[in-house]
Every structure is written in structure tokens, then in C-alpha cells.
Amino acid sequence: MNKYIILDSERSDGCIDFTMIIINRNNASISTIGGSFRGQNQKFSNSLKRNREKQKKSD
């Protein structure tokens, strides 16, 4: 029995291929990737908070 998966997506095949190459090349698990994004998000939110504090001091 053959199974076919049809994906209806607006992304280009090149974008999907690039993502797959990065994931496979780094041999990263999903949990590792998720942890990386959480760390980056926290750094970003901390930098926004510092910028707001600087603006309040200058006002």
C-alpha cells in the first residue's frame, strides 16, 4: 500500500530543503533546537527592557 502526503504550502521547496539541511547537518534534536530559541528569545526581551529603561531615564 502506497501512502502519499500532499503538502499545500506557500513556502518554496528551497526554503524547506535549506531547513532540512541545517537540522540534519547539526544533528540537533528538537529539544536542543527549542532550547536554543528560548535562550535567544530571553536575550532579546532583556535587551528590549534595557532600552526602555534608558529611554525613561533620558525623558
C-alpha atoms as a PDB file:
ATOM      1  CA  MET A   1       0.000   0.000   0.000  1.00  0.00           C
ATOM      2  CA  ASN A   2       1.491   3.334  -1.063  1.00  0.00           C
ATOM      3  CA  LYS A   3       0.889   6.402   1.041  1.00  0.00           C
ATOM      4  CA  TYR A   4       1.270   9.887  -0.338  1.00  0.00           C
ATOM      5  CA  ILE A   5       1.462  13.057   1.693  1.00  0.00           C
ATOM      6  CA  ILE A   6       0.414  16.195  -0.122  1.00  0.00           C
ATOM      7  CA  LEU A   7       1.520  19.431   1.464  1.00  0.00           C
ATOM      8  CA  ASP A   8      -0.218  22.628   0.458  1.00  0.00           C
ATOM      9  CA  SER A   9       2.262  25.302   1.436  1.00  0.00           C
ATOM     10  CA  GLU A  10       3.258  28.710   0.121  1.00  0.00           C
ATOM     11  CA  ARG A  11       6.892  28.171   1.091  1.00  0.00           C
ATOM     12  CA  SER A  12       9.326  27.386  -1.659  1.00  0.00           C
ATOM     13  CA  ASP A  13      10.967  23.979  -1.846  1.00  0.00           C
ATOM     14  CA  GLY A  14      14.349  25.694  -1.478  1.00  0.00           C
ATOM     15  CA  CYS A  15      13.387  27.078   1.916  1.00  0.00           C
ATOM     16  CA  ILE A  16      12.274  23.672   3.166  1.00  0.00           C
ATOM     17  CA  ASP A  17      15.397  21.982   1.762  1.00  0.00           C
ATOM     18  CA  PHE A  18      17.644  24.553   3.445  1.00  0.00           C
ATOM     19  CA  THR A  19      15.932  23.979   6.796  1.00  0.00           C
ATOM     20  CA  MET A  20      16.294  20.224   6.485  1.00  0.00           C
ATOM     21  CA  ILE A  21      19.994  20.551   5.635  1.00  0.00           C
ATOM     22  CA  ILE A  22      20.649  22.702   8.703  1.00  0.00           C
ATOM     23  CA  ILE A  23      18.808  20.327  11.039  1.00  0.00           C
ATOM     24  CA  ASN A  24      20.479  17.226   9.612  1.00  0.00           C
ATOM     25  CA  ARG A  25      23.933  18.768   9.426  1.00  0.00           C
ATOM     26  CA  ASN A  26      23.952  19.823  13.066  1.00  0.00           C
ATOM     27  CA  ASN A  27      22.461  16.508  14.234  1.00  0.00           C
ATOM     28  CA  ALA A  28      20.348  18.533  16.628  1.00  0.00           C
ATOM     29  CA  SER A  29      17.336  17.102  18.366  1.00  0.00           C
ATOM     30  CA  ILE A  30      14.099  19.051  18.518  1.00  0.00           C
ATOM     31  CA  SER A  31      14.592  19.729  22.232  1.00  0.00           C
ATOM     32  CA  THR A  32      18.017  21.228  21.576  1.00  0.00           C
ATOM     33  CA  ILE A  33      16.637  23.496  18.873  1.00  0.00           C
ATOM     34  CA  GLY A  34      13.780  24.582  21.144  1.00  0.00           C
ATOM     35  CA  GLY A  35      16.192  25.364  23.956  1.00  0.00           C
ATOM     36  CA  SER A  36      18.283  27.469  21.627  1.00  0.00           C
ATOM     37  CA  PHE A  37      15.297  29.551  20.565  1.00  0.00           C
ATOM     38  CA  ARG A  38      14.179  30.050  24.159  1.00  0.00           C
ATOM     39  CA  GLY A  39      17.629  31.367  25.089  1.00  0.00           C
ATOM     40  CA  GLN A  40      17.673  33.773  22.154  1.00  0.00           C
ATOM     41  CA  ASN A  41      14.168  34.991  22.976  1.00  0.00           C
ATOM     42  CA  GLN A  42      15.178  35.725  26.564  1.00  0.00           C
ATOM     43  CA  LYS A  43      18.247  37.689  25.414  1.00  0.00           C
ATOM     44  CA  PHE A  44      16.072  39.689  23.024  1.00  0.00           C
ATOM     45  CA  SER A  45      13.465  40.534  25.668  1.00  0.00           C
ATOM     46  CA  ASN A  46      16.204  41.576  28.130  1.00  0.00           C
ATOM     47  CA  SER A  47      17.705  43.945  25.567  1.00  0.00           C
ATOM     48  CA  LEU A  48      14.271  45.498  24.929  1.00  0.00           C
ATOM     49  CA  LYS A  49      13.799  46.005  28.661  1.00  0.00           C
ATOM     50  CA  ARG A  50      17.180  47.759  28.946  1.00  0.00           C
ATOM     51  CA  ASN A  51      16.344  50.037  26.008  1.00  0.00           C
ATOM     52  CA  ARG A  52      13.041  51.032  27.638  1.00  0.00           C
ATOM     53  CA  GLU A  53      14.824  51.815  30.909  1.00  0.00           C
ATOM     54  CA  LYS A  54      17.340  54.016  29.069  1.00  0.00           C
ATOM     55  CA  GLN A  55      14.530  55.904  27.338  1.00  0.00           C
ATOM     56  CA  LYS A  56      12.731  56.539  30.640  1.00  0.00           C
ATOM     57  CA  LYS A  57      15.921  57.918  32.207  1.00  0.00           C
ATOM     58  CA  SER A  58      16.526  60.282  29.285  1.00  0.00           C
ATOM     59  CA  ASP A  59      12.935  61.651  29.436  1.00  0.00           C
END
